């Protein structure tokens, strides 16, 4: 159904290391019609009213802002820890080799706010799952996450579903 969008995403073999097929969305971002189509389809896939669209650093910010306007919602930034001024709350998550932390402003989300989580791509789901935990800790109601690209063989979308999240992606690429 979204072959038109998939054709705008280039694959760069062996980046950042041998065996990885990097899905580069910058080619879609350069195409005004492709970008507009992706945003429209993500808006159309949104269920229920949304108070905030939470975007994960950094490409998630682009889609969060683009969706927030037609959804008449605010934009909440989920950033790497240490990048936001003021009081923050943070959540750790596992990486392939070690751990990382994401954060948001402590006052960015009122309890009960209906939040849509957005990022450009879901792979293993570590960052997205940490974002859901962080938002829920702040009192948000997070029931849906959207991605431009899903790499289903890495299991991230299924992991989010096991956390009770409705997951939608416009394009799916098998493999790594």
Protein backbone atom coordinates (compact mmCIF):
# COMPACT_ATOMS: atom_id res chain seq x y z
CA UNK A 1 0.00 0.00 0.00
CA UNK A 2 2.89 2.37 0.67
CA UNK A 3 5.22 1.21 -2.10
CA UNK A 4 5.34 4.81 -3.33
CA UNK A 5 6.94 5.84 -0.03
CA UNK A 6 9.21 2.79 0.17
CA UNK A 7 10.63 3.69 -3.24
CA UNK A 8 11.71 7.08 -1.82
CA UNK A 9 13.78 5.50 0.96
CA UNK A 10 17.24 4.48 -0.17
CA UNK A 11 19.16 1.55 1.21
CA UNK A 12 22.84 1.98 1.95
CA UNK A 13 24.54 -1.40 2.30
CA UNK A 14 27.14 -2.04 5.00
CA UNK A 15 26.48 1.16 6.96
CA UNK A 16 27.42 1.81 9.72
CA UNK A 17 29.09 -1.62 9.69
CA UNK A 18 29.25 -4.65 7.40
CA UNK A 19 26.00 -6.59 7.10
CA UNK A 20 23.72 -3.66 8.01
CA UNK A 21 21.27 -2.38 5.40
CA UNK A 22 20.80 1.25 6.47
CA UNK A 23 17.37 2.66 5.55
CA UNK A 24 18.04 6.30 4.73
CA UNK A 25 14.90 8.45 4.95
CA UNK A 26 16.67 11.66 3.94
CA UNK A 27 15.75 10.90 0.33
CA UNK A 28 12.06 10.85 1.28
CA UNK A 29 12.49 14.08 3.26
CA UNK A 30 13.91 15.76 0.14
CA UNK A 31 10.79 14.90 -1.86
CA UNK A 32 8.01 17.40 -1.03
CA UNK A 33 5.21 15.17 -2.33
CA UNK A 34 6.61 12.10 -0.58
CA UNK A 35 6.98 13.95 2.71
CA UNK A 36 3.47 15.39 2.47
CA UNK A 37 2.06 11.95 1.65
CA UNK A 38 3.85 10.32 4.58
CA UNK A 39 2.60 12.97 7.02
CA UNK A 40 -0.97 12.76 5.68
CA UNK A 41 -1.00 8.97 6.01
CA UNK A 42 0.37 9.15 9.55
CA UNK A 43 -2.30 11.70 10.49
CA UNK A 44 -4.96 9.45 8.95
CA UNK A 45 -3.67 6.50 11.02
CA UNK A 46 -3.97 8.43 14.29
CA UNK A 47 -6.68 7.07 16.56
CA UNK A 48 -8.64 9.27 18.91
CA UNK A 49 -7.88 12.76 20.09
CA UNK A 50 -4.25 13.60 20.86
CA UNK A 51 -3.04 16.28 23.25
CA UNK A 52 0.68 15.90 22.55
CA UNK A 53 2.83 14.31 19.87
CA UNK A 54 6.07 13.09 21.44
CA UNK A 55 8.99 12.95 19.02
CA UNK A 56 12.15 10.98 19.73
CA UNK A 57 15.43 12.74 18.95
CA UNK A 58 16.23 13.67 16.28
CA UNK A 59 14.32 12.63 13.17
CA UNK A 60 11.25 11.95 15.28
CA UNK A 61 11.10 15.70 15.93
CA UNK A 62 10.44 16.33 12.23
CA UNK A 63 7.45 14.02 12.10
CA UNK A 64 6.13 15.06 15.53
CA UNK A 65 5.96 18.72 14.49
CA UNK A 66 4.45 17.90 11.11
CA UNK A 67 1.70 15.74 12.65
CA UNK A 68 1.00 18.06 15.57
CA UNK A 69 -0.24 20.88 13.34
CA UNK A 70 -3.15 19.02 11.65
CA UNK A 71 -3.86 17.11 14.88
CA UNK A 72 -4.05 20.43 16.78
CA UNK A 73 -1.67 19.03 19.40
CA UNK A 74 1.49 20.22 21.10
CA UNK A 75 4.94 18.74 20.52
CA UNK A 76 6.82 17.05 23.36
CA UNK A 77 10.55 16.46 22.84
CA UNK A 78 12.17 13.21 23.98
CA UNK A 79 15.92 13.92 23.97
CA UNK A 80 19.16 12.35 24.98
CA UNK A 81 19.80 13.04 28.65
CA UNK A 82 21.60 16.31 29.32
CA UNK A 83 20.26 18.15 26.24
CA UNK A 84 17.25 19.89 27.80
CA UNK A 85 17.44 22.95 30.08
CA UNK A 86 15.51 22.98 33.32
CA UNK A 87 14.18 20.12 35.40
CA UNK A 88 13.92 16.79 33.58
CA UNK A 89 12.98 13.20 34.21
CA UNK A 90 14.97 10.45 32.51
CA UNK A 91 14.77 6.77 31.67
CA UNK A 92 17.63 4.36 31.00
CA UNK A 93 17.55 1.71 28.30
CA UNK A 94 19.89 -0.96 27.03
CA UNK A 95 21.97 -0.63 23.90
CA UNK A 96 23.83 -3.36 22.09
CA UNK A 97 26.95 -2.45 24.11
CA UNK A 98 25.99 -0.57 27.27
CA UNK A 99 23.19 1.78 28.25
CA UNK A 100 21.85 5.20 27.34
CA UNK A 101 19.30 7.62 28.80
CA UNK A 102 16.53 9.71 27.32
CA UNK A 103 14.83 12.60 29.05
CA UNK A 104 11.96 15.04 28.83
CA UNK A 105 11.07 18.20 30.72
CA UNK A 106 9.46 17.30 34.03
CA UNK A 107 6.59 19.73 33.35
CA UNK A 108 6.07 18.89 29.65
CA UNK A 109 3.16 16.54 30.17
CA UNK A 110 0.18 16.94 32.47
CA UNK A 111 -1.15 13.74 34.05
CA UNK A 112 -3.79 12.21 31.81
CA UNK A 113 -2.47 13.83 28.62
CA UNK A 114 -3.14 11.70 25.54
CA UNK A 115 0.21 11.24 23.83
CA UNK A 116 1.07 9.86 20.40
CA UNK A 117 4.69 8.65 20.19
CA UNK A 118 6.50 9.26 16.88
CA UNK A 119 9.87 8.32 15.45
CA UNK A 120 11.24 7.78 11.97
CA UNK A 121 12.19 4.13 12.42
CA UNK A 122 11.68 1.26 14.83
CA UNK A 123 14.30 -1.47 15.01
CA UNK A 124 14.84 -3.24 18.34
CA UNK A 125 12.46 -0.87 20.12
CA UNK A 126 14.75 0.00 23.03
CA UNK A 127 14.44 3.76 22.68
CA UNK A 128 10.70 3.70 21.93
CA UNK A 129 9.98 1.43 24.90
CA UNK A 130 12.02 3.70 27.17
CA UNK A 131 10.06 6.69 25.84
CA UNK A 132 6.76 4.96 26.67
CA UNK A 133 7.98 4.20 30.20
CA UNK A 134 9.11 7.81 30.61
CA UNK A 135 5.82 9.25 29.37
CA UNK A 136 3.77 6.90 31.51
CA UNK A 137 5.88 7.79 34.54
CA UNK A 138 4.88 11.41 33.89
CA UNK A 139 1.22 10.34 33.93
CA UNK A 140 0.61 10.33 30.19
CA UNK A 141 -1.81 8.00 28.46
CA UNK A 142 0.25 6.45 25.68
CA UNK A 143 -1.64 4.00 23.53
CA UNK A 144 -0.24 4.50 20.03
CA UNK A 145 3.14 4.85 18.37
CA UNK A 146 3.80 5.57 14.72
CA UNK A 147 6.90 5.14 12.61
CA UNK A 148 7.75 5.81 9.01
CA UNK A 149 9.81 2.58 8.84
CA UNK A 150 9.58 -0.73 10.70
CA UNK A 151 12.35 -3.33 10.62
CA UNK A 152 10.14 -6.22 11.81
CA UNK A 153 12.92 -8.81 11.98
CA UNK A 154 14.45 -6.85 14.87
CA UNK A 155 11.27 -7.17 16.96
CA UNK A 156 10.79 -3.62 18.20
CA UNK A 157 7.19 -3.20 17.06
CA UNK A 158 6.20 -6.51 18.67
CA UNK A 159 7.94 -5.49 21.90
CA UNK A 160 5.96 -2.24 21.95
CA UNK A 161 2.75 -4.16 21.31
CA UNK A 162 3.55 -6.32 24.34
CA UNK A 163 3.61 -3.05 26.32
CA UNK A 164 0.03 -2.35 25.21
CA UNK A 165 0.89 0.08 22.42
CA UNK A 166 -0.89 0.17 19.05
CA UNK A 167 1.98 0.30 16.55
CA UNK A 168 1.67 1.61 13.01
CA UNK A 169 4.40 1.97 10.38
CA UNK A 170 4.01 3.11 6.81
CA UNK A 171 6.84 1.01 5.38
CA UNK A 172 8.33 -2.30 6.44
CA UNK A 173 11.71 -3.64 5.34
CA UNK A 174 12.76 -7.22 6.15
CA UNK A 175 16.26 -7.88 7.44
CA UNK A 176 18.60 -5.67 9.41
